[in-house]
Amino acid sequence: MSTYPVANIDLAALKHNLERVKTLTPKSRVMSVIKANAYGHGAIHVAAALSASDAFAVARLDEALQLRGAGIEQPIVLLEGVHSLSELQLAAEFDLSPVFHHQSQIELLSSCQLTTPLSFCWIMLETGMHRLGMTVEGAEDALTEMKKSHNISGQIGLMSHFANADWVDDERNSQQLMRVKQFSEQYGLSVSLANSAAVLSYVDSHADWVRPGLMLYGISPFEDKTAHELGLEPVMRLTSKVIAIQDIKQGDQVGYGGCWQAKQNTRIATVNIGYGDGYSRQLSNTASVSIKRQLARVLGRVSMDMIVIDISGLDIEIGDDVTLWGNDLLAVEQLAQQANTIPYELVCQVSDRVKRNYYNG
């Protein structure tokens, strides 16, 4: 039996969360976001489990080509678009849907003759995020060029991105939506704006397409609501094993720098997971783990391959399973707060040396 860390991925939970999206957005098509290796969950397996999606969205061309190579046939949107003539040609060849967010990308489109025209693409409108996107004037010019281009044979959609959707009732959300609606109504474009937070809290933004990401993985986008309260099921349960147990005396120090010191005689266990596996160093001396349905504190600094936990008073043996997050005692959102980060970061940084174990499908 392996003693290495494992990310257990519940495919039935993924499907449940997609159905939750569809229930909340019955008039919208669903573009499931599976960039960054499906937020650390494994893009190919996730795409197969989410086959009821109307489309997928990734950030970069390589991510899309990996999915096509695995036989994924749904439309795939390139959120960052293409940045060279060769990338544009590959996007057309593999029937991908690039987002055009900068004039340089429009110039690429106008500078070549694709053997296979793009069947669907998007314009990104800047509405307040100030990350990617064109001004209204720039988007109007781009749309004119795209409509007359022989390199586009299909529909052109309009996309933007909420900057504050996780802050429910923030007035900036309605301002962004208004700008998108004004442009789309003027030019008759289908719209994609709603991310997970907007899917859950802002019905007016659902429009033609929704783009759920975090909620598909059973994680709440809100600080004040749990996934369970939102009707979501956690998908990833990160586990490892106890590989050593020892008793230390009062005054003994644990780990690099000795930043934890025993105030009394203490029984400790070493668990083989660390920041090399994606378990954040920010959880040093802060987090707890779950072992035999009980919580045990992390002692000292998280090292590259191991952590140490306090098992005083617990009946623990070498080889026992340890859950780092993902059960009803330890939600990843809770760990993210303890690490002073967001759950996106914790799941995305689970490294490739952690085995993904897929079950329930």
Protein backbone atom coordinates (compact mmCIF):
# COMPACT_ATOMS: atom_id res chain seq x y z
CA MET A 1 0.00 0.00 0.00
CA SER A 2 1.31 3.43 -0.94
CA THR A 3 2.32 5.73 1.89
CA TYR A 4 2.52 8.78 -0.35
CA PRO A 5 0.07 11.69 -0.43
CA VAL A 6 -3.09 11.20 -2.47
CA ALA A 7 -5.69 13.66 -3.73
CA ASN A 8 -8.92 11.69 -3.76
CA ILE A 9 -11.24 13.13 -6.43
CA ASP A 10 -14.96 12.37 -6.15
CA LEU A 11 -16.32 12.45 -9.71
CA ALA A 12 -19.90 12.06 -8.49
CA ALA A 13 -19.48 15.28 -6.48
CA LEU A 14 -18.27 17.03 -9.63
CA LYS A 15 -21.38 15.94 -11.48
CA HIS A 16 -23.57 17.00 -8.59
CA ASN A 17 -22.03 20.47 -8.57
CA LEU A 18 -22.55 20.84 -12.32
CA GLU A 19 -26.20 19.92 -11.88
CA ARG A 20 -26.38 22.56 -9.15
CA VAL A 21 -25.12 25.12 -11.67
CA LYS A 22 -27.73 24.05 -14.19
CA THR A 23 -30.50 24.25 -11.62
CA LEU A 24 -29.48 27.82 -10.76
CA THR A 25 -29.09 28.89 -14.41
CA PRO A 26 -31.80 27.05 -16.38
CA LYS A 27 -31.76 29.51 -19.30
CA SER A 28 -27.98 29.65 -19.69
CA ARG A 29 -25.41 27.41 -21.30
CA VAL A 30 -22.57 26.26 -19.07
CA MET A 31 -18.90 26.86 -19.84
CA SER A 32 -17.08 24.85 -17.17
CA VAL A 33 -13.71 26.37 -16.24
CA ILE A 34 -11.01 23.68 -16.04
CA LYS A 35 -7.86 25.79 -16.36
CA ALA A 36 -4.79 25.18 -14.17
CA ASN A 37 -5.27 21.41 -14.43
CA ALA A 38 -8.90 21.81 -13.37
CA TYR A 39 -7.85 23.75 -10.28
CA GLY A 40 -5.45 20.95 -9.37
CA HIS A 41 -8.03 18.19 -9.77
CA GLY A 42 -6.81 16.79 -13.12
CA ALA A 43 -8.17 18.38 -16.29
CA ILE A 44 -8.70 15.29 -18.43
CA HIS A 45 -10.59 13.29 -15.79
CA VAL A 46 -12.58 16.35 -14.78
CA ALA A 47 -13.54 17.13 -18.37
CA ALA A 48 -14.73 13.56 -18.86
CA ALA A 49 -16.81 13.74 -15.68
CA LEU A 50 -18.26 17.11 -16.71
CA SER A 51 -19.21 15.94 -20.20
CA ALA A 52 -22.67 17.46 -19.75
CA SER A 53 -21.06 20.92 -19.98
CA ASP A 54 -21.85 22.92 -23.11
CA ALA A 55 -18.21 24.06 -23.33
CA PHE A 56 -14.98 24.19 -21.38
CA ALA A 57 -12.73 27.15 -20.66
CA VAL A 58 -8.97 27.05 -20.16
CA ALA A 59 -6.41 29.83 -19.89
CA ARG A 60 -3.82 28.78 -22.46
CA LEU A 61 -3.41 26.94 -25.72
CA ASP A 62 -1.38 24.04 -24.28
CA GLU A 63 -4.20 23.25 -21.86
CA ALA A 64 -6.68 23.07 -24.73
CA LEU A 65 -4.41 20.89 -26.88
CA GLN A 66 -4.01 18.46 -23.99
CA LEU A 67 -7.80 18.11 -23.79
CA ARG A 68 -8.15 17.64 -27.55
CA GLY A 69 -5.38 15.03 -27.43
CA ALA A 70 -7.39 13.14 -24.81
CA GLY A 71 -10.45 13.09 -27.06
CA ILE A 72 -12.45 15.90 -25.46
CA GLU A 73 -14.79 17.14 -28.20
CA GLN A 74 -16.75 19.97 -26.53
CA PRO A 75 -16.05 23.57 -27.55
CA ILE A 76 -12.99 24.86 -25.69
CA VAL A 77 -12.53 28.57 -25.00
CA LEU A 78 -9.04 30.08 -24.68
CA LEU A 79 -9.51 32.78 -22.06
CA GLU A 80 -6.12 34.41 -22.73
CA GLY A 81 -6.56 34.07 -26.47
CA VAL A 82 -3.66 33.53 -28.86
CA HIS A 83 -0.44 35.52 -29.10
CA SER A 84 1.22 34.44 -32.33
CA LEU A 85 0.31 33.36 -35.84
CA SER A 86 1.24 29.76 -35.06
CA GLU A 87 -1.05 29.75 -32.01
CA LEU A 88 -3.90 31.18 -34.09
CA GLN A 89 -3.40 28.47 -36.71
CA LEU A 90 -3.44 25.76 -34.04
CA ALA A 91 -6.58 27.23 -32.48
CA ALA A 92 -8.31 27.01 -35.85
CA GLU A 93 -6.96 23.53 -36.62
CA PHE A 94 -8.21 22.12 -33.32
CA ASP A 95 -11.52 24.01 -33.40
CA LEU A 96 -10.79 26.17 -30.35
CA SER A 97 -12.54 29.41 -29.44
CA PRO A 98 -10.05 32.19 -28.64
CA VAL A 99 -10.95 35.31 -26.70
CA PHE A 100 -9.72 38.51 -28.40
CA HIS A 101 -8.82 41.05 -25.75
CA HIS A 102 -6.15 43.21 -27.41
CA GLN A 103 -5.71 44.97 -30.74
CA SER A 104 -2.55 42.96 -31.47
CA GLN A 105 -4.69 39.81 -31.60
CA ILE A 106 -7.03 41.42 -34.12
CA GLU A 107 -4.00 42.31 -36.22
CA LEU A 108 -2.95 38.65 -36.17
CA LEU A 109 -6.39 37.67 -37.40
CA SER A 110 -6.15 40.15 -40.26
CA SER A 111 -2.63 39.15 -41.29
CA CYS A 112 -3.24 35.58 -42.42
CA GLN A 113 -5.54 33.21 -44.23
CA LEU A 114 -6.52 30.26 -42.05
CA THR A 115 -7.17 26.97 -43.81
CA THR A 116 -9.98 26.35 -41.32
CA PRO A 117 -11.84 29.44 -40.09
CA LEU A 118 -12.71 29.89 -36.42
CA SER A 119 -16.15 28.48 -35.69
CA PHE A 120 -16.70 30.55 -32.52
CA CYS A 121 -14.73 33.27 -30.79
CA TRP A 122 -15.14 36.02 -28.21
CA ILE A 123 -14.40 39.68 -27.60
CA MET A 124 -13.33 40.59 -24.06
CA LEU A 125 -14.79 43.92 -22.96
CA GLU A 126 -13.05 45.87 -20.20
CA THR A 127 -15.70 46.82 -17.63
CA GLY A 128 -13.79 47.39 -14.40
CA MET A 129 -11.35 44.52 -13.83
CA HIS A 130 -8.50 46.26 -15.70
CA ARG A 131 -6.71 43.03 -16.45
CA LEU A 132 -7.68 41.90 -19.94
CA GLY A 133 -10.15 43.54 -22.29
CA MET A 134 -10.83 46.30 -24.79
CA THR A 135 -12.44 49.65 -24.28
CA VAL A 136 -15.87 50.13 -25.82
CA GLU A 137 -14.30 51.95 -28.77
CA GLY A 138 -11.63 49.29 -29.19
CA ALA A 139 -14.22 46.51 -29.01
CA GLU A 140 -16.36 48.25 -31.64
CA ASP A 141 -13.41 48.47 -34.02
CA ALA A 142 -12.44 44.88 -33.30
CA LEU A 143 -15.98 43.64 -33.92
CA THR A 144 -16.03 45.40 -37.28
CA GLU A 145 -12.78 43.70 -38.29
CA MET A 146 -13.92 40.31 -37.03
CA LYS A 147 -17.26 40.45 -38.84
CA LYS A 148 -15.60 41.03 -42.20
CA SER A 149 -12.80 38.52 -41.64
CA HIS A 150 -12.78 35.36 -43.76
CA ASN A 151 -11.03 33.69 -40.81
CA ILE A 152 -14.22 33.61 -38.76
CA SER A 153 -17.14 31.52 -39.94
CA GLY A 154 -19.22 31.31 -36.78
CA GLN A 155 -20.62 33.33 -33.92
CA ILE A 156 -18.84 36.10 -32.03
CA GLY A 157 -19.65 36.37 -28.34
CA LEU A 158 -19.07 39.08 -25.75
CA MET A 159 -17.22 38.31 -22.53
CA SER A 160 -16.21 40.25 -19.44
CA HIS A 161 -15.18 39.34 -15.92
CA PHE A 162 -16.51 40.44 -12.53
CA ALA A 163 -13.91 41.95 -10.21
CA ASN A 164 -16.04 41.78 -7.04
CA ALA A 165 -18.75 39.15 -7.52
CA ASP A 166 -17.83 37.50 -4.22
CA TRP A 167 -18.96 40.71 -2.52
CA VAL A 168 -22.70 40.32 -2.83
CA ASP A 169 -24.60 43.56 -3.56
CA ASP A 170 -21.40 45.49 -4.34
CA GLU A 171 -22.53 48.29 -6.66
CA ARG A 172 -19.56 47.73 -8.96
CA ASN A 173 -21.11 44.42 -10.03
CA SER A 174 -24.20 46.12 -11.41
CA GLN A 175 -22.03 48.74 -13.11
CA GLN A 176 -20.06 46.06 -14.91
CA LEU A 177 -23.22 44.22 -15.92
CA MET A 178 -24.76 47.42 -17.28
CA ARG A 179 -21.74 48.07 -19.53
CA VAL A 180 -21.88 44.55 -20.91
CA LYS A 181 -25.63 44.72 -21.53
CA GLN A 182 -25.37 48.05 -23.33
CA PHE A 183 -22.74 46.72 -25.71
CA SER A 184 -24.39 43.35 -26.29
CA GLU A 185 -27.80 44.85 -26.96
CA GLN A 186 -26.33 47.34 -29.44
CA TYR A 187 -24.57 44.64 -31.45
CA GLY A 188 -26.70 41.56 -30.76
CA LEU A 189 -23.97 39.46 -29.14
CA SER A 190 -24.39 36.53 -26.77
CA VAL A 191 -22.88 37.23 -23.34
CA SER A 192 -20.71 35.40 -20.83
CA LEU A 193 -20.04 37.22 -17.55
CA ALA A 194 -21.13 35.19 -14.51
CA ASN A 195 -18.46 33.31 -12.56
CA SER A 196 -19.20 31.01 -9.61
CA ALA A 197 -20.04 33.81 -7.19
CA ALA A 198 -22.37 35.44 -9.72
CA VAL A 199 -23.99 32.10 -10.57
CA LEU A 200 -24.85 31.71 -6.89
CA SER A 201 -25.87 35.26 -6.04
CA TYR A 202 -26.58 37.44 -9.09
CA VAL A 203 -29.35 36.05 -11.30
CA ASP A 204 -29.44 39.11 -13.57
CA SER A 205 -25.89 38.35 -14.73
CA HIS A 206 -26.49 34.78 -15.91
CA ALA A 207 -27.17 35.77 -19.52
CA ASP A 208 -26.47 33.35 -22.39
CA TRP A 209 -23.43 31.62 -20.88
CA VAL A 210 -22.21 31.15 -17.31
CA ARG A 211 -18.58 30.34 -16.44
CA PRO A 212 -18.49 28.38 -13.16
CA GLY A 213 -15.10 27.41 -11.82
CA LEU A 214 -14.58 27.16 -8.08
CA MET A 215 -18.09 25.96 -7.27
CA LEU A 216 -17.69 22.96 -9.59
CA TYR A 217 -15.02 21.68 -7.21
CA GLY A 218 -17.33 22.00 -4.22
CA ILE A 219 -15.73 25.13 -2.78
CA SER A 220 -17.56 28.25 -1.66
CA PRO A 221 -16.55 31.55 -3.29
CA PHE A 222 -17.87 33.46 -0.28
CA GLU A 223 -16.11 33.98 3.06
CA ASP A 224 -19.37 33.85 5.02
CA LYS A 225 -20.96 30.77 3.41
CA THR A 226 -19.84 27.15 3.37
CA ALA A 227 -20.04 24.86 0.38
CA HIS A 228 -22.64 22.79 2.23
CA GLU A 229 -24.84 25.84 2.74
CA LEU A 230 -24.65 26.49 -1.00
CA GLY A 231 -25.67 22.95 -1.90
CA LEU A 232 -22.20 21.96 -3.11
CA GLU A 233 -20.23 18.78 -2.43
CA PRO A 234 -16.43 18.87 -1.93
CA VAL A 235 -14.53 17.10 -4.69
CA MET A 236 -10.94 16.82 -3.39
CA ARG A 237 -9.92 15.08 -0.18
CA LEU A 238 -6.17 15.39 0.36
CA THR A 239 -4.71 12.55 2.43
CA SER A 240 -1.39 11.10 3.53
CA LYS A 241 -0.01 8.65 6.11
CA VAL A 242 1.72 8.62 9.47
CA ILE A 243 5.28 7.40 8.86
CA ALA A 244 6.85 7.88 12.32
CA ILE A 245 5.81 8.32 15.96
CA GLN A 246 7.93 9.47 18.89
CA ASP A 247 7.65 10.88 22.38
CA ILE A 248 9.37 14.16 23.14
CA LYS A 249 10.02 15.86 26.47
CA GLN A 250 9.09 19.23 27.82
CA GLY A 251 11.37 21.84 26.25
CA ASP A 252 12.11 19.84 23.09
CA GLN A 253 11.76 21.74 19.85
CA VAL A 254 10.18 20.54 16.61
CA GLY A 255 11.24 21.27 13.04
CA TYR A 256 13.35 23.87 11.30
CA GLY A 257 14.14 26.88 13.45
CA GLY A 258 12.63 25.27 16.54
CA CYS A 259 9.63 27.56 16.31
CA TRP A 260 7.48 25.12 18.30
CA GLN A 261 8.63 24.02 21.76
CA ALA A 262 6.91 21.43 23.91
CA LYS A 263 5.42 22.86 27.10
CA GLN A 264 4.95 19.33 28.41
CA ASN A 265 5.81 15.78 27.42
CA THR A 266 4.17 15.26 24.03
CA ARG A 267 3.57 12.41 21.60
CA ILE A 268 4.13 13.46 18.00
CA ALA A 269 3.71 11.86 14.60
CA THR A 270 5.40 12.63 11.29
CA VAL A 271 3.19 12.73 8.21
CA ASN A 272 4.76 12.56 4.75
CA ILE A 273 3.36 15.62 3.06
CA GLY A 274 4.92 19.06 2.74
CA TYR A 275 5.19 22.14 0.59
CA GLY A 276 6.85 20.03 -2.13
CA ASP A 277 3.48 18.34 -2.46
CA GLY A 278 1.60 21.63 -2.36
CA TYR A 279 0.73 21.70 1.34
CA SER A 280 1.28 25.38 2.06
CA ARG A 281 4.14 26.45 4.30
CA GLN A 282 1.78 29.16 5.54
CA LEU A 283 0.01 26.42 7.52
CA SER A 284 3.08 26.01 9.76
CA ASN A 285 2.18 26.01 13.47
CA THR A 286 -1.37 26.98 12.51
CA ALA A 287 -3.40 24.24 10.86
CA SER A 288 -4.91 21.02 12.09
CA VAL A 289 -5.31 17.68 10.34
CA SER A 290 -7.95 15.01 10.75
CA ILE A 291 -6.92 11.56 11.94
CA LYS A 292 -9.37 8.88 13.06
CA ARG A 293 -12.13 11.50 13.12
CA GLN A 294 -10.17 13.68 15.53
CA LEU A 295 -8.24 16.88 14.96
CA ALA A 296 -4.50 17.07 15.56
CA ARG A 297 -2.45 20.28 15.46
CA VAL A 298 0.41 20.86 13.05
CA LEU A 299 3.56 21.57 15.09
CA GLY A 300 6.40 23.69 13.80
CA ARG A 301 7.23 24.52 10.23
CA VAL A 302 5.90 22.65 7.23
CA SER A 303 8.97 21.24 5.48
CA MET A 304 9.32 20.10 1.87
CA ASP A 305 8.19 16.51 2.42
CA MET A 306 6.85 16.24 5.96
CA ILE A 307 4.81 17.80 8.72
CA VAL A 308 4.68 16.94 12.42
CA ILE A 309 1.40 16.69 14.35
CA ASP A 310 0.47 16.43 18.01
CA ILE A 311 -1.15 13.05 18.73
CA SER A 312 -1.03 13.22 22.53
CA GLY A 313 -3.92 11.22 23.96
CA LEU A 314 -4.84 9.68 20.59
CA ASP A 315 -4.58 6.01 19.66
CA ILE A 316 -2.50 6.41 16.51
CA GLU A 317 -0.26 3.92 14.70
CA ILE A 318 2.24 4.16 11.87
CA GLY A 319 0.36 3.81 8.58
CA ASP A 320 -2.82 5.51 9.78
CA ASP A 321 -4.55 7.78 7.28
CA VAL A 322 -4.36 11.54 7.76
CA THR A 323 -6.75 13.95 6.03
CA LEU A 324 -5.30 17.37 5.30
CA TRP A 325 -8.57 18.79 3.96
CA GLY A 326 -11.77 17.72 2.28
CA ASN A 327 -13.89 15.97 4.91
CA ASP A 328 -16.63 17.37 7.15
CA LEU A 329 -14.06 18.25 9.84
CA LEU A 330 -11.64 20.16 7.61
CA ALA A 331 -12.96 22.15 4.65
CA VAL A 332 -10.36 23.60 2.31
CA GLU A 333 -11.95 27.03 2.86
CA GLN A 334 -11.05 26.74 6.56
CA LEU A 335 -7.44 25.87 5.74
CA ALA A 336 -7.25 28.80 3.33
CA GLN A 337 -8.27 31.23 6.05
CA GLN A 338 -5.63 29.77 8.37
CA ALA A 339 -3.02 30.17 5.61
CA ASN A 340 -4.18 33.74 4.94
CA THR A 341 -4.94 32.88 1.34
CA ILE A 342 -7.84 31.69 -0.83
CA PRO A 343 -8.92 28.10 -1.48
CA TYR A 344 -8.09 28.48 -5.18
CA GLU A 345 -4.41 28.66 -4.27
CA LEU A 346 -4.42 25.61 -2.01
CA VAL A 347 -6.04 23.24 -4.50
CA CYS A 348 -4.17 24.62 -7.53
CA GLN A 349 -0.77 24.16 -5.92
CA VAL A 350 -1.21 20.44 -5.12
CA SER A 351 1.80 19.18 -7.05
CA ASP A 352 2.13 16.48 -9.70
CA ARG A 353 3.90 14.15 -7.30
CA VAL A 354 0.63 13.78 -5.39
CA LYS A 355 -1.30 10.92 -6.95
CA ARG A 356 -4.87 11.66 -8.05
CA ASN A 357 -7.24 8.86 -7.14
CA TYR A 358 -10.56 9.09 -9.02
CA TYR A 359 -13.63 7.33 -7.73
CA ASN A 360 -17.42 7.27 -8.14
CA GLY A 361 -17.13 7.24 -11.91
